Amino acid sequence: MPTITEQVNGMTGRKAAGFIEVLGYLAAVKVADICLKSANVEIMAVKTAKGGLWTTALSGDVGAVRAAVEAAVGALANDRCLVSSHVIARPIEELQVLFDDAPYPIKKQSDIKAETPAPIEVIPEPEAGLPVVEELEKLIDQQELTVADEKVLTEKELYQCRTVDLRHMARLIEDFSIARKKIKFAKKDDLVKAILAARKKQN
């Protein structure tokens, strides 16, 4: 935040500082709003003290500061929250220490840096035919054995099995007539016939 000296002496026409003390934070906000709307001034800080006292500090050229202070004082005349007001024509640099710890310093838009949003990590969707699918099929072959795999089933019993179980059995048969990649699309009738044919071939 620019120091009082920078605001008063470092800028053309900035030669005064104004202070308005009120009871309550809401009144202090109202003061800041009135000052900014009534004259070309800048709010330096809104500072609190014990007992619910709040001070709004502003800066600008003498005429603008006086006009802003008078407008705020007039607006609060009937609110019974105004404590005091004062305009300093040429504040010295040492007054800055009064605002270094201000709980609500006012920042200019130019002082606020735009925050760069964190990049969003895009996780690509798995593509068809990735090795993961093949690995899953191997696990199915090795671990997901059904009861039907443990004995030799008749043709009737094979037709009574679920299609998914027949596909598991088909993957366990070496030199199966249906290509491995096509087993998951094969129909029950084709699977049963291929299993019976493979059994005859092995015997």
N, C-alpha and C. Protein backbone atom coordinates (compact mmCIF):
# COMPACT_ATOMS: atom_id res chain seq x y z
N MET A 1 0.85 -1.19 0.00
CA MET A 1 0.00 0.00 0.00
C MET A 1 0.88 1.24 0.00
N PRO A 2 0.60 2.25 -0.84
CA PRO A 2 1.41 3.46 -0.88
C PRO A 2 1.40 4.15 0.46
N THR A 3 2.55 4.73 0.86
CA THR A 3 2.62 5.46 2.12
C THR A 3 1.89 6.77 1.99
N ILE A 4 1.61 7.40 3.14
CA ILE A 4 0.95 8.71 3.11
C ILE A 4 1.79 9.70 2.34
N THR A 5 3.13 9.62 2.54
CA THR A 5 4.01 10.56 1.83
C THR A 5 3.89 10.37 0.33
N GLU A 6 3.84 9.10 -0.13
CA GLU A 6 3.70 8.85 -1.56
C GLU A 6 2.37 9.35 -2.07
N GLN A 7 1.33 9.19 -1.27
CA GLN A 7 0.02 9.64 -1.71
C GLN A 7 -0.10 11.15 -1.67
N VAL A 8 0.53 11.79 -0.67
CA VAL A 8 0.37 13.23 -0.48
C VAL A 8 1.38 14.03 -1.28
N ASN A 9 2.66 13.63 -1.23
CA ASN A 9 3.71 14.41 -1.87
C ASN A 9 4.18 13.86 -3.20
N GLY A 10 4.01 12.56 -3.39
CA GLY A 10 4.53 11.95 -4.60
C GLY A 10 3.60 12.02 -5.77
N MET A 11 2.37 12.51 -5.61
CA MET A 11 1.41 12.58 -6.69
C MET A 11 0.92 14.01 -6.82
N THR A 12 0.73 14.45 -8.06
CA THR A 12 0.32 15.83 -8.32
C THR A 12 -1.02 16.12 -7.67
N GLY A 13 -1.07 17.21 -6.88
CA GLY A 13 -2.32 17.64 -6.27
C GLY A 13 -2.70 16.89 -5.01
N ARG A 14 -1.94 15.86 -4.59
CA ARG A 14 -2.27 15.12 -3.38
C ARG A 14 -1.59 15.83 -2.21
N LYS A 15 -2.33 16.68 -1.45
CA LYS A 15 -1.71 17.49 -0.41
C LYS A 15 -2.45 17.42 0.91
N ALA A 16 -3.40 16.55 1.07
CA ALA A 16 -4.17 16.53 2.31
C ALA A 16 -4.58 15.11 2.67
N ALA A 17 -4.83 14.93 3.98
CA ALA A 17 -5.33 13.66 4.50
C ALA A 17 -6.51 13.97 5.40
N GLY A 18 -7.56 13.17 5.31
CA GLY A 18 -8.74 13.38 6.12
C GLY A 18 -9.03 12.18 7.00
N PHE A 19 -9.60 12.45 8.17
CA PHE A 19 -9.89 11.39 9.14
C PHE A 19 -11.29 11.60 9.69
N ILE A 20 -12.08 10.54 9.71
CA ILE A 20 -13.44 10.60 10.25
C ILE A 20 -13.60 9.43 11.22
N GLU A 21 -13.90 9.76 12.47
CA GLU A 21 -14.03 8.75 13.52
C GLU A 21 -15.51 8.54 13.84
N VAL A 22 -15.91 7.28 13.85
CA VAL A 22 -17.32 6.95 14.08
C VAL A 22 -17.44 5.77 15.04
N LEU A 23 -18.65 5.51 15.47
CA LEU A 23 -18.95 4.34 16.30
C LEU A 23 -19.50 3.23 15.41
N GLY A 24 -18.79 2.11 15.36
CA GLY A 24 -19.27 0.95 14.61
C GLY A 24 -18.64 0.83 13.23
N TYR A 25 -18.43 -0.43 12.84
CA TYR A 25 -17.81 -0.71 11.54
C TYR A 25 -18.72 -0.32 10.39
N LEU A 26 -20.03 -0.55 10.54
CA LEU A 26 -20.96 -0.22 9.47
C LEU A 26 -20.92 1.26 9.14
N ALA A 27 -20.83 2.09 10.19
CA ALA A 27 -20.74 3.53 9.97
C ALA A 27 -19.45 3.89 9.24
N ALA A 28 -18.35 3.19 9.56
CA ALA A 28 -17.08 3.46 8.89
C ALA A 28 -17.15 3.11 7.41
N VAL A 29 -17.83 2.02 7.09
CA VAL A 29 -18.01 1.65 5.69
C VAL A 29 -18.87 2.68 4.97
N LYS A 30 -19.89 3.15 5.65
CA LYS A 30 -20.76 4.18 5.07
C LYS A 30 -19.97 5.45 4.79
N VAL A 31 -19.08 5.82 5.72
CA VAL A 31 -18.23 7.00 5.53
C VAL A 31 -17.36 6.84 4.29
N ALA A 32 -16.72 5.68 4.15
CA ALA A 32 -15.86 5.43 2.99
C ALA A 32 -16.65 5.54 1.70
N ASP A 33 -17.85 4.98 1.69
CA ASP A 33 -18.69 5.04 0.50
C ASP A 33 -19.06 6.47 0.14
N ILE A 34 -19.46 7.26 1.14
CA ILE A 34 -19.84 8.66 0.89
C ILE A 34 -18.66 9.47 0.38
N CYS A 35 -17.49 9.28 1.00
CA CYS A 35 -16.29 10.03 0.59
C CYS A 35 -15.91 9.75 -0.85
N LEU A 36 -15.93 8.48 -1.23
CA LEU A 36 -15.54 8.11 -2.59
C LEU A 36 -16.54 8.62 -3.62
N LYS A 37 -17.80 8.69 -3.24
CA LYS A 37 -18.82 9.15 -4.18
C LYS A 37 -18.90 10.66 -4.29
N SER A 38 -18.49 11.37 -3.22
CA SER A 38 -18.66 12.82 -3.20
C SER A 38 -17.46 13.60 -3.72
N ALA A 39 -16.28 13.00 -3.76
CA ALA A 39 -15.09 13.75 -4.20
C ALA A 39 -14.04 12.78 -4.73
N ASN A 40 -13.06 13.35 -5.43
CA ASN A 40 -11.97 12.56 -6.00
C ASN A 40 -10.91 12.30 -4.94
N VAL A 41 -11.17 11.33 -4.07
CA VAL A 41 -10.25 11.00 -2.99
C VAL A 41 -9.98 9.50 -3.01
N GLU A 42 -8.99 9.09 -2.20
CA GLU A 42 -8.67 7.68 -2.05
C GLU A 42 -8.74 7.31 -0.58
N ILE A 43 -9.28 6.15 -0.29
CA ILE A 43 -9.33 5.66 1.08
C ILE A 43 -8.01 4.97 1.40
N MET A 44 -7.31 5.47 2.45
CA MET A 44 -6.02 4.88 2.82
C MET A 44 -6.21 3.66 3.71
N ALA A 45 -7.15 3.72 4.65
CA ALA A 45 -7.36 2.60 5.56
C ALA A 45 -8.63 2.82 6.36
N VAL A 46 -9.14 1.73 6.92
CA VAL A 46 -10.23 1.79 7.89
C VAL A 46 -9.70 1.10 9.14
N LYS A 47 -9.48 1.88 10.20
CA LYS A 47 -8.76 1.39 11.38
C LYS A 47 -9.68 1.38 12.59
N THR A 48 -9.57 0.35 13.42
CA THR A 48 -10.41 0.22 14.60
C THR A 48 -9.63 0.51 15.87
N ALA A 49 -10.36 0.86 16.92
CA ALA A 49 -9.78 1.10 18.24
C ALA A 49 -10.72 0.50 19.28
N LYS A 50 -10.36 0.60 20.55
CA LYS A 50 -11.20 0.05 21.61
C LYS A 50 -12.50 0.84 21.72
N GLY A 51 -13.50 0.21 22.28
CA GLY A 51 -14.77 0.87 22.50
C GLY A 51 -15.63 0.98 21.26
N GLY A 52 -15.33 0.21 20.23
CA GLY A 52 -16.13 0.24 19.01
C GLY A 52 -15.88 1.44 18.12
N LEU A 53 -14.77 2.14 18.33
CA LEU A 53 -14.44 3.30 17.50
C LEU A 53 -13.73 2.86 16.23
N TRP A 54 -14.12 3.45 15.11
CA TRP A 54 -13.51 3.18 13.81
C TRP A 54 -13.14 4.49 13.14
N THR A 55 -11.96 4.49 12.51
CA THR A 55 -11.50 5.68 11.81
C THR A 55 -11.30 5.37 10.33
N THR A 56 -11.91 6.16 9.48
CA THR A 56 -11.72 6.06 8.04
C THR A 56 -10.76 7.16 7.62
N ALA A 57 -9.63 6.77 7.00
CA ALA A 57 -8.62 7.74 6.56
C ALA A 57 -8.65 7.84 5.05
N LEU A 58 -8.58 9.07 4.53
CA LEU A 58 -8.60 9.29 3.09
C LEU A 58 -7.56 10.32 2.70
N SER A 59 -7.22 10.38 1.42
CA SER A 59 -6.22 11.33 0.93
C SER A 59 -6.67 11.90 -0.41
N GLY A 60 -6.10 13.05 -0.76
CA GLY A 60 -6.42 13.73 -2.01
C GLY A 60 -6.01 15.18 -1.92
N ASP A 61 -6.40 15.98 -2.89
CA ASP A 61 -6.07 17.40 -2.76
C ASP A 61 -6.95 18.02 -1.67
N VAL A 62 -6.53 19.19 -1.19
CA VAL A 62 -7.18 19.79 -0.02
C VAL A 62 -8.68 19.98 -0.24
N GLY A 63 -9.05 20.54 -1.37
CA GLY A 63 -10.46 20.79 -1.63
C GLY A 63 -11.29 19.53 -1.68
N ALA A 64 -10.75 18.48 -2.32
CA ALA A 64 -11.48 17.22 -2.43
C ALA A 64 -11.65 16.55 -1.08
N VAL A 65 -10.57 16.56 -0.28
CA VAL A 65 -10.64 15.94 1.05
C VAL A 65 -11.64 16.67 1.93
N ARG A 66 -11.59 17.99 1.93
CA ARG A 66 -12.53 18.77 2.74
C ARG A 66 -13.98 18.49 2.30
N ALA A 67 -14.20 18.45 0.99
CA ALA A 67 -15.55 18.19 0.49
C ALA A 67 -16.03 16.81 0.90
N ALA A 68 -15.14 15.81 0.82
CA ALA A 68 -15.51 14.45 1.19
C ALA A 68 -15.83 14.35 2.67
N VAL A 69 -14.99 14.97 3.50
CA VAL A 69 -15.21 14.93 4.95
C VAL A 69 -16.52 15.63 5.31
N GLU A 70 -16.75 16.80 4.71
CA GLU A 70 -17.99 17.53 5.00
C GLU A 70 -19.23 16.73 4.57
N ALA A 71 -19.12 16.05 3.42
CA ALA A 71 -20.25 15.25 2.96
C ALA A 71 -20.55 14.10 3.91
N ALA A 72 -19.49 13.44 4.39
CA ALA A 72 -19.68 12.33 5.32
C ALA A 72 -20.23 12.80 6.65
N VAL A 73 -19.69 13.92 7.15
CA VAL A 73 -20.17 14.47 8.42
C VAL A 73 -21.65 14.86 8.31
N GLY A 74 -22.01 15.48 7.19
CA GLY A 74 -23.41 15.87 7.00
C GLY A 74 -24.34 14.68 6.92
N ALA A 75 -23.88 13.60 6.26
CA ALA A 75 -24.73 12.41 6.12
C ALA A 75 -24.94 11.70 7.45
N LEU A 76 -23.97 11.84 8.36
CA LEU A 76 -24.06 11.15 9.64
C LEU A 76 -24.62 12.03 10.75
N ALA A 77 -25.05 13.22 10.39
CA ALA A 77 -25.50 14.18 11.41
C ALA A 77 -26.65 13.63 12.25
N ASN A 78 -27.53 12.88 11.64
CA ASN A 78 -28.70 12.36 12.35
C ASN A 78 -28.53 10.93 12.84
N ASP A 79 -27.37 10.33 12.57
CA ASP A 79 -27.17 8.93 12.95
C ASP A 79 -26.60 8.77 14.35
N ARG A 80 -26.11 9.84 14.96
CA ARG A 80 -25.53 9.81 16.30
C ARG A 80 -24.35 8.85 16.42
N CYS A 81 -23.68 8.58 15.32
CA CYS A 81 -22.51 7.71 15.37
C CYS A 81 -21.22 8.47 15.10
N LEU A 82 -21.32 9.72 14.69
CA LEU A 82 -20.13 10.52 14.40
C LEU A 82 -19.47 10.95 15.70
N VAL A 83 -18.16 10.71 15.81
CA VAL A 83 -17.39 11.09 16.99
C VAL A 83 -16.58 12.35 16.71
N SER A 84 -15.79 12.33 15.62
CA SER A 84 -14.98 13.50 15.28
C SER A 84 -14.51 13.39 13.84
N SER A 85 -14.01 14.50 13.31
CA SER A 85 -13.44 14.52 11.96
C SER A 85 -12.33 15.56 11.92
N HIS A 86 -11.38 15.34 11.00
CA HIS A 86 -10.26 16.28 10.92
C HIS A 86 -9.61 16.17 9.54
N VAL A 87 -9.09 17.30 9.06
CA VAL A 87 -8.37 17.35 7.80
C VAL A 87 -6.98 17.91 8.06
N ILE A 88 -5.95 17.18 7.61
CA ILE A 88 -4.56 17.64 7.73
C ILE A 88 -4.09 18.04 6.34
N ALA A 89 -3.70 19.30 6.22
CA ALA A 89 -3.33 19.82 4.89
C ALA A 89 -2.06 19.18 4.36
N ARG A 90 -1.04 19.06 5.18
CA ARG A 90 0.23 18.47 4.72
C ARG A 90 0.74 17.49 5.76
N PRO A 91 0.27 16.26 5.75
CA PRO A 91 0.73 15.28 6.74
C PRO A 91 2.19 14.92 6.52
N ILE A 92 2.91 14.75 7.61
CA ILE A 92 4.33 14.38 7.51
C ILE A 92 4.46 12.87 7.37
N GLU A 93 5.65 12.47 6.98
CA GLU A 93 5.88 11.05 6.68
C GLU A 93 5.67 10.16 7.89
N GLU A 94 5.97 10.67 9.10
CA GLU A 94 5.87 9.86 10.31
C GLU A 94 4.45 9.36 10.58
N LEU A 95 3.46 10.00 9.99
CA LEU A 95 2.08 9.55 10.21
C LEU A 95 1.81 8.18 9.61
N GLN A 96 2.69 7.72 8.73
CA GLN A 96 2.49 6.42 8.10
C GLN A 96 2.45 5.30 9.13
N VAL A 97 3.18 5.45 10.24
CA VAL A 97 3.22 4.38 11.24
C VAL A 97 1.85 4.13 11.83
N LEU A 98 0.95 5.10 11.73
CA LEU A 98 -0.39 4.92 12.26
C LEU A 98 -1.22 3.96 11.41
N PHE A 99 -0.76 3.71 10.18
CA PHE A 99 -1.55 2.89 9.26
C PHE A 99 -0.85 1.61 8.83
N ASP A 100 0.39 1.40 9.32
CA ASP A 100 1.11 0.19 8.94
C ASP A 100 0.40 -1.07 9.42
N ASP A 101 -0.28 -0.97 10.57
CA ASP A 101 -0.98 -2.14 11.11
C ASP A 101 -2.48 -2.03 10.96
N ALA A 102 -2.93 -1.20 10.02
CA ALA A 102 -4.38 -1.04 9.82
C ALA A 102 -5.00 -2.38 9.42
N PRO A 103 -6.05 -2.81 10.12
CA PRO A 103 -6.63 -4.13 9.82
C PRO A 103 -7.34 -4.19 8.49
N TYR A 104 -7.75 -3.06 7.96
CA TYR A 104 -8.47 -3.06 6.69
C TYR A 104 -7.89 -2.02 5.74
N PRO A 105 -6.62 -2.19 5.32
CA PRO A 105 -6.06 -1.25 4.34
C PRO A 105 -6.78 -1.40 3.01
N ILE A 106 -6.92 -0.31 2.32
CA ILE A 106 -7.61 -0.32 1.03
C ILE A 106 -6.59 -0.52 -0.08
N LYS A 107 -6.81 -1.52 -0.94
CA LYS A 107 -5.90 -1.80 -2.05
C LYS A 107 -6.49 -1.30 -3.35
N LYS A 108 -5.62 -0.79 -4.21
CA LYS A 108 -6.05 -0.40 -5.54
C LYS A 108 -6.13 -1.63 -6.42
N GLN A 109 -6.89 -1.50 -7.49
CA GLN A 109 -6.99 -2.60 -8.44
C GLN A 109 -5.64 -2.92 -9.05
N SER A 110 -4.80 -1.89 -9.22
CA SER A 110 -3.48 -2.10 -9.83
C SER A 110 -2.56 -2.87 -8.90
N ASP A 111 -2.87 -2.86 -7.57
CA ASP A 111 -2.02 -3.56 -6.61
C ASP A 111 -2.41 -5.01 -6.45
N ILE A 112 -3.59 -5.36 -6.96
CA ILE A 112 -4.08 -6.72 -6.81
C ILE A 112 -3.66 -7.54 -8.02
N LYS A 113 -2.82 -8.51 -7.81
CA LYS A 113 -2.34 -9.36 -8.90
C LYS A 113 -3.39 -10.42 -9.21
N ALA A 114 -3.59 -10.60 -10.48
CA ALA A 114 -4.55 -11.63 -10.91
C ALA A 114 -4.00 -13.00 -10.57
N GLU A 115 -4.83 -13.80 -9.92
CA GLU A 115 -4.40 -15.14 -9.55
C GLU A 115 -4.50 -16.07 -10.74
N THR A 116 -3.43 -16.82 -10.94
CA THR A 116 -3.41 -17.78 -12.04
C THR A 116 -4.05 -19.08 -11.57
N PRO A 117 -5.14 -19.49 -12.20
CA PRO A 117 -5.79 -20.72 -11.75
C PRO A 117 -4.88 -21.92 -11.93
N ALA A 118 -4.98 -22.83 -10.98
CA ALA A 118 -4.16 -24.03 -11.05
C ALA A 118 -4.54 -24.85 -12.28
N PRO A 119 -3.53 -25.39 -12.97
CA PRO A 119 -3.84 -26.17 -14.17
C PRO A 119 -4.64 -27.42 -13.82
N ILE A 120 -5.60 -27.73 -14.66
CA ILE A 120 -6.45 -28.90 -14.44
C ILE A 120 -5.83 -30.10 -15.14
N GLU A 121 -5.57 -31.13 -14.36
CA GLU A 121 -4.96 -32.34 -14.92
C GLU A 121 -6.03 -33.17 -15.60
N VAL A 122 -5.82 -33.41 -16.86
CA VAL A 122 -6.78 -34.20 -17.64
C VAL A 122 -6.28 -35.63 -17.72
N ILE A 123 -7.07 -36.55 -17.21
CA ILE A 123 -6.71 -37.96 -17.24
C ILE A 123 -7.33 -38.59 -18.48
N PRO A 124 -6.51 -39.05 -19.42
CA PRO A 124 -7.08 -39.62 -20.65
C PRO A 124 -7.84 -40.90 -20.38
N GLU A 125 -8.92 -41.08 -21.11
CA GLU A 125 -9.70 -42.30 -20.98
C GLU A 125 -8.97 -43.46 -21.65
N PRO A 126 -9.06 -44.65 -21.08
CA PRO A 126 -8.39 -45.80 -21.68
C PRO A 126 -8.96 -46.12 -23.05
N GLU A 127 -8.08 -46.41 -23.99
CA GLU A 127 -8.50 -46.73 -25.34
C GLU A 127 -8.78 -48.23 -25.47
N ALA A 128 -9.62 -48.53 -26.42
CA ALA A 128 -9.94 -49.94 -26.66
C ALA A 128 -8.71 -50.68 -27.16
N GLY A 129 -8.56 -51.93 -26.69
CA GLY A 129 -7.45 -52.74 -27.16
C GLY A 129 -6.17 -52.53 -26.40
N LEU A 130 -6.21 -51.83 -25.25
CA LEU A 130 -5.00 -51.62 -24.49
C LEU A 130 -4.57 -52.94 -23.84
N PRO A 131 -3.30 -53.07 -23.48
CA PRO A 131 -2.81 -54.30 -22.85
C PRO A 131 -3.55 -54.63 -21.57
N VAL A 132 -4.17 -53.62 -20.92
CA VAL A 132 -4.87 -53.88 -19.67
C VAL A 132 -5.98 -54.90 -19.88
N VAL A 133 -6.67 -54.79 -20.99
CA VAL A 133 -7.75 -55.72 -21.28
C VAL A 133 -7.22 -57.14 -21.39
N GLU A 134 -6.10 -57.29 -22.06
CA GLU A 134 -5.52 -58.62 -22.22
C GLU A 134 -5.08 -59.18 -20.88
N GLU A 135 -4.54 -58.31 -20.00
CA GLU A 135 -4.12 -58.77 -18.68
C GLU A 135 -5.33 -59.24 -17.87
N LEU A 136 -6.44 -58.53 -18.00
CA LEU A 136 -7.65 -58.93 -17.29
C LEU A 136 -8.14 -60.28 -17.77
N GLU A 137 -8.03 -60.49 -19.07
CA GLU A 137 -8.46 -61.77 -19.62
C GLU A 137 -7.60 -62.91 -19.09
N LYS A 138 -6.30 -62.64 -18.92
CA LYS A 138 -5.41 -63.66 -18.39
C LYS A 138 -5.78 -64.01 -16.95
N LEU A 139 -6.12 -62.96 -16.17
CA LEU A 139 -6.52 -63.20 -14.79
C LEU A 139 -7.80 -64.03 -14.72
N ILE A 140 -8.70 -63.73 -15.65
CA ILE A 140 -9.94 -64.51 -15.70
C ILE A 140 -9.63 -65.97 -16.00
N ASP A 141 -8.70 -66.18 -16.95
CA ASP A 141 -8.33 -67.54 -17.32
C ASP A 141 -7.75 -68.30 -16.14
N GLN A 142 -6.95 -67.62 -15.31
CA GLN A 142 -6.20 -68.29 -14.26
C GLN A 142 -6.99 -68.43 -12.96
N GLN A 143 -7.88 -67.47 -12.67
CA GLN A 143 -8.48 -67.42 -11.34
C GLN A 143 -9.98 -67.65 -11.33
N GLU A 144 -10.72 -67.13 -12.29
CA GLU A 144 -12.17 -67.18 -12.24
C GLU A 144 -12.69 -68.45 -12.91
N LEU A 145 -12.41 -69.56 -12.29
CA LEU A 145 -12.86 -70.85 -12.81
C LEU A 145 -14.20 -71.20 -12.17
N THR A 146 -15.14 -71.59 -12.96
CA THR A 146 -16.45 -71.97 -12.45
C THR A 146 -16.47 -73.45 -12.12
N VAL A 147 -17.56 -73.88 -11.44
CA VAL A 147 -17.71 -75.29 -11.08
C VAL A 147 -17.78 -76.15 -12.33
N ALA A 148 -18.31 -75.58 -13.38
CA ALA A 148 -18.46 -76.35 -14.62
C ALA A 148 -17.12 -76.72 -15.21
N ASP A 149 -16.05 -75.97 -14.85
CA ASP A 149 -14.74 -76.25 -15.43
C ASP A 149 -14.09 -77.47 -14.79
N GLU A 150 -14.60 -77.88 -13.62
CA GLU A 150 -13.92 -78.92 -12.88
C GLU A 150 -14.35 -80.33 -13.31
N LYS A 151 -15.34 -80.45 -14.16
CA LYS A 151 -15.77 -81.77 -14.62
C LYS A 151 -16.13 -81.68 -16.10
N VAL A 152 -16.18 -82.85 -16.73
CA VAL A 152 -16.55 -82.92 -18.14
C VAL A 152 -18.06 -82.87 -18.24
N LEU A 153 -18.57 -81.84 -18.91
CA LEU A 153 -20.01 -81.65 -19.03
C LEU A 153 -20.52 -82.24 -20.34
N THR A 154 -21.74 -82.73 -20.26
CA THR A 154 -22.38 -83.24 -21.47
C THR A 154 -22.87 -82.06 -22.30
N GLU A 155 -23.30 -82.37 -23.52
CA GLU A 155 -23.80 -81.31 -24.39
C GLU A 155 -25.00 -80.60 -23.77
N LYS A 156 -25.90 -81.37 -23.14
CA LYS A 156 -27.07 -80.78 -22.50
C LYS A 156 -26.67 -79.86 -21.37
N GLU A 157 -25.70 -80.33 -20.58
CA GLU A 157 -25.24 -79.51 -19.45
C GLU A 157 -24.55 -78.24 -19.92
N LEU A 158 -23.84 -78.33 -21.04
CA LEU A 158 -23.18 -77.14 -21.58
C LEU A 158 -24.20 -76.09 -21.98
N TYR A 159 -25.31 -76.54 -22.57
CA TYR A 159 -26.35 -75.59 -22.97
C TYR A 159 -27.05 -74.96 -21.76
N GLN A 160 -26.98 -75.66 -20.63
CA GLN A 160 -27.58 -75.12 -19.42
C GLN A 160 -26.67 -74.11 -18.72
N CYS A 161 -25.42 -74.04 -19.12
CA CYS A 161 -24.48 -73.09 -18.52
C CYS A 161 -24.73 -71.68 -19.03
N ARG A 162 -24.29 -70.73 -18.24
CA ARG A 162 -24.38 -69.33 -18.70
C ARG A 162 -23.36 -69.10 -19.80
N THR A 163 -23.67 -68.16 -20.67
CA THR A 163 -22.75 -67.85 -21.77
C THR A 163 -21.41 -67.38 -21.25
N VAL A 164 -21.42 -66.61 -20.16
CA VAL A 164 -20.16 -66.10 -19.61
C VAL A 164 -19.29 -67.25 -19.11
N ASP A 165 -19.93 -68.31 -18.54
CA ASP A 165 -19.16 -69.46 -18.08
C ASP A 165 -18.57 -70.24 -19.26
N LEU A 166 -19.34 -70.32 -20.33
CA LEU A 166 -18.83 -71.00 -21.52
C LEU A 166 -17.63 -70.25 -22.10
N ARG A 167 -17.68 -68.95 -22.05
CA ARG A 167 -16.54 -68.16 -22.54
C ARG A 167 -15.30 -68.38 -21.68
N HIS A 168 -15.50 -68.52 -20.36
CA HIS A 168 -14.37 -68.82 -19.48
C HIS A 168 -13.76 -70.17 -19.83
N MET A 169 -14.62 -71.13 -20.04
CA MET A 169 -14.14 -72.46 -20.39
C MET A 169 -13.41 -72.44 -21.73
N ALA A 170 -13.92 -71.66 -22.67
CA ALA A 170 -13.32 -71.60 -23.99
C ALA A 170 -11.91 -71.03 -23.93
N ARG A 171 -11.71 -70.09 -23.04
CA ARG A 171 -10.37 -69.47 -22.94
C ARG A 171 -9.34 -70.43 -22.35
N LEU A 172 -9.81 -71.46 -21.66
CA LEU A 172 -8.89 -72.43 -21.06
C LEU A 172 -8.47 -73.53 -22.04
N ILE A 173 -9.14 -73.60 -23.16
CA ILE A 173 -8.86 -74.67 -24.13
C ILE A 173 -7.80 -74.19 -25.12
N GLU A 174 -6.75 -74.99 -25.24
CA GLU A 174 -5.69 -74.65 -26.19
C GLU A 174 -6.17 -74.94 -27.62
N ASP A 175 -5.68 -74.16 -28.55
CA ASP A 175 -6.02 -74.31 -29.97
C ASP A 175 -7.54 -74.28 -30.17
N PHE A 176 -8.21 -73.38 -29.48
CA PHE A 176 -9.66 -73.26 -29.61
C PHE A 176 -10.00 -72.70 -30.98
N SER A 177 -11.08 -73.20 -31.57
CA SER A 177 -11.40 -72.83 -32.95
C SER A 177 -11.83 -71.36 -33.09
N ILE A 178 -12.34 -70.79 -32.02
CA ILE A 178 -12.73 -69.38 -32.05
C ILE A 178 -11.57 -68.53 -31.54
N ALA A 179 -11.20 -67.52 -32.26
CA ALA A 179 -10.09 -66.66 -31.86
C ALA A 179 -10.35 -66.05 -30.49
N ARG A 180 -9.29 -65.90 -29.70
CA ARG A 180 -9.43 -65.42 -28.33
C ARG A 180 -10.13 -64.06 -28.27
N LYS A 181 -9.80 -63.18 -29.20
CA LYS A 181 -10.40 -61.84 -29.18
C LYS A 181 -11.88 -61.86 -29.53
N LYS A 182 -12.32 -62.98 -30.17
CA LYS A 182 -13.72 -63.06 -30.58
C LYS A 182 -14.57 -63.87 -29.61
N ILE A 183 -13.92 -64.49 -28.62
CA ILE A 183 -14.67 -65.33 -27.67
C ILE A 183 -15.70 -64.51 -26.90
N LYS A 184 -15.32 -63.30 -26.52
CA LYS A 184 -16.24 -62.49 -25.70
C LYS A 184 -17.47 -62.04 -26.49
N PHE A 185 -17.44 -62.21 -27.82
CA PHE A 185 -18.60 -61.86 -28.64
C PHE A 185 -19.36 -63.09 -29.13
N ALA A 186 -18.82 -64.28 -28.85
CA ALA A 186 -19.41 -65.51 -29.38
C ALA A 186 -20.73 -65.83 -28.68
N LYS A 187 -21.67 -66.44 -29.42
CA LYS A 187 -22.97 -66.84 -28.88
C LYS A 187 -22.86 -68.22 -28.23
N LYS A 188 -23.87 -68.55 -27.42
CA LYS A 188 -23.84 -69.80 -26.68
C LYS A 188 -23.76 -71.01 -27.61
N ASP A 189 -24.55 -71.03 -28.65
CA ASP A 189 -24.57 -72.18 -29.55
C ASP A 189 -23.21 -72.40 -30.19
N ASP A 190 -22.57 -71.31 -30.63
CA ASP A 190 -21.24 -71.43 -31.25
C ASP A 190 -20.21 -71.91 -30.23
N LEU A 191 -20.33 -71.44 -28.99
CA LEU A 191 -19.37 -71.84 -27.95
C LEU A 191 -19.51 -73.32 -27.62
N VAL A 192 -20.74 -73.78 -27.48
CA VAL A 192 -20.95 -75.20 -27.14
C VAL A 192 -20.40 -76.09 -28.24
N LYS A 193 -20.70 -75.76 -29.49
CA LYS A 193 -20.20 -76.58 -30.61
C LYS A 193 -18.68 -76.57 -30.66
N ALA A 194 -18.07 -75.41 -30.41
CA ALA A 194 -16.61 -75.33 -30.47
C ALA A 194 -15.98 -76.10 -29.32
N ILE A 195 -16.60 -76.07 -28.14
CA ILE A 195 -16.07 -76.81 -26.99
C ILE A 195 -16.16 -78.31 -27.24
N LEU A 196 -17.28 -78.78 -27.76
CA LEU A 196 -17.43 -80.21 -28.06
C LEU A 196 -16.44 -80.64 -29.13
N ALA A 197 -16.22 -79.79 -30.13
CA ALA A 197 -15.27 -80.13 -31.19
C ALA A 197 -13.86 -80.19 -30.65
N ALA A 198 -13.52 -79.28 -29.77
CA ALA A 198 -12.18 -79.28 -29.18
C ALA A 198 -11.97 -80.50 -28.30
N ARG A 199 -13.03 -80.93 -27.59
CA ARG A 199 -12.93 -82.10 -26.73
C ARG A 199 -12.69 -83.36 -27.56
N LYS A 200 -13.40 -83.48 -28.68
CA LYS A 200 -13.20 -84.64 -29.56
C LYS A 200 -11.79 -84.64 -30.13
N LYS A 201 -11.30 -83.45 -30.46
CA LYS A 201 -9.97 -83.34 -31.05
C LYS A 201 -8.90 -83.76 -30.05
N GLN A 202 -9.10 -83.43 -28.77
CA GLN A 202 -8.13 -83.78 -27.74
C GLN A 202 -8.15 -85.27 -27.43
N ASN A 203 -9.34 -85.87 -27.55
CA ASN A 203 -9.47 -87.30 -27.26
C ASN A 203 -9.00 -88.15 -28.43
